[in-house]
């Protein structure tokens, strides 16, 4: 069943893109990589990756969480 199958390459690409987005916000303010990654940054990265994975039909919650994640990074 394709709905229950995880494509590891697609997931890895979405997470990589999200990490790059987070790093682009943090690069001017902090030395990267961070020695310890706060839980809030893990949530932000997950929310951004989830939006990428739902790019064809994101739910309102997925979009709202990603928008909040970008706002938190600012």
Protein backbone atom coordinates (compact mmCIF):
# COMPACT_ATOMS: atom_id res chain seq x y z
CA UNK A 1 0.00 0.00 0.00
CA UNK A 2 1.66 3.23 -1.18
CA UNK A 3 -0.06 5.38 1.44
CA UNK A 4 1.79 3.53 4.18
CA UNK A 5 5.16 3.37 2.42
CA UNK A 6 7.88 5.85 3.26
CA UNK A 7 10.24 6.81 0.44
CA UNK A 8 13.44 7.35 2.39
CA UNK A 9 15.02 9.41 -0.41
CA UNK A 10 12.04 11.79 -0.56
CA UNK A 11 12.00 12.11 3.23
CA UNK A 12 15.76 12.73 3.36
CA UNK A 13 15.48 15.42 0.67
CA UNK A 14 12.64 17.18 2.54
CA UNK A 15 14.60 17.10 5.81
CA UNK A 16 17.76 18.33 4.08
CA UNK A 17 15.86 21.22 2.53
CA UNK A 18 14.34 22.09 5.90
CA UNK A 19 17.77 22.00 7.58
CA UNK A 20 19.14 24.33 4.91
CA UNK A 21 16.24 26.72 5.46
CA UNK A 22 16.81 26.75 9.23
CA UNK A 23 20.54 27.24 8.75
CA UNK A 24 19.93 30.16 6.39
CA UNK A 25 18.01 31.96 9.13
CA UNK A 26 20.57 31.17 11.84
CA UNK A 27 23.83 31.64 9.92
CA UNK A 28 24.16 35.37 10.53
CA UNK A 29 23.43 35.12 14.24
CA UNK A 30 25.03 31.89 15.45
CA UNK A 31 28.09 29.77 14.75
CA UNK A 32 26.96 26.66 12.89
CA UNK A 33 26.59 23.81 13.43
CA UNK A 34 25.05 24.33 16.84
CA UNK A 35 26.65 22.29 19.62
CA UNK A 36 23.20 21.40 20.94
CA UNK A 37 20.04 21.56 18.86
CA UNK A 38 17.08 22.85 20.88
CA UNK A 39 13.83 20.93 20.67
CA UNK A 40 12.14 23.98 19.20
CA UNK A 41 14.47 23.88 16.18
CA UNK A 42 13.73 20.19 15.73
CA UNK A 43 10.00 21.00 15.68
CA UNK A 44 10.57 23.84 13.23
CA UNK A 45 12.60 21.59 10.94
CA UNK A 46 9.90 18.94 11.08
CA UNK A 47 7.15 21.42 10.29
CA UNK A 48 9.06 22.76 7.27
CA UNK A 49 9.82 19.25 6.02
CA UNK A 50 6.19 18.21 6.48
CA UNK A 51 5.08 21.13 4.31
CA UNK A 52 7.47 19.99 1.57
CA UNK A 53 6.13 16.45 1.78
CA UNK A 54 2.56 17.76 1.45
CA UNK A 55 3.35 20.23 -1.34
CA UNK A 56 0.58 18.95 -3.62
CA UNK A 57 -2.24 19.23 -1.07
CA UNK A 58 -1.15 20.59 2.31
CA UNK A 59 -3.79 20.75 4.98
CA UNK A 60 -4.49 24.04 6.70
CA UNK A 61 -2.69 22.74 9.78
CA UNK A 62 0.44 21.80 7.80
CA UNK A 63 0.53 25.25 6.18
CA UNK A 64 -0.14 27.06 9.47
CA UNK A 65 2.60 25.11 11.26
CA UNK A 66 5.13 25.87 8.51
CA UNK A 67 4.15 29.55 8.52
CA UNK A 68 4.59 29.63 12.30
CA UNK A 69 7.96 27.89 11.96
CA UNK A 70 9.22 30.55 9.52
CA UNK A 71 7.90 33.30 11.79
CA UNK A 72 9.69 31.74 14.77
CA UNK A 73 12.95 31.68 12.81
CA UNK A 74 12.68 35.39 12.07
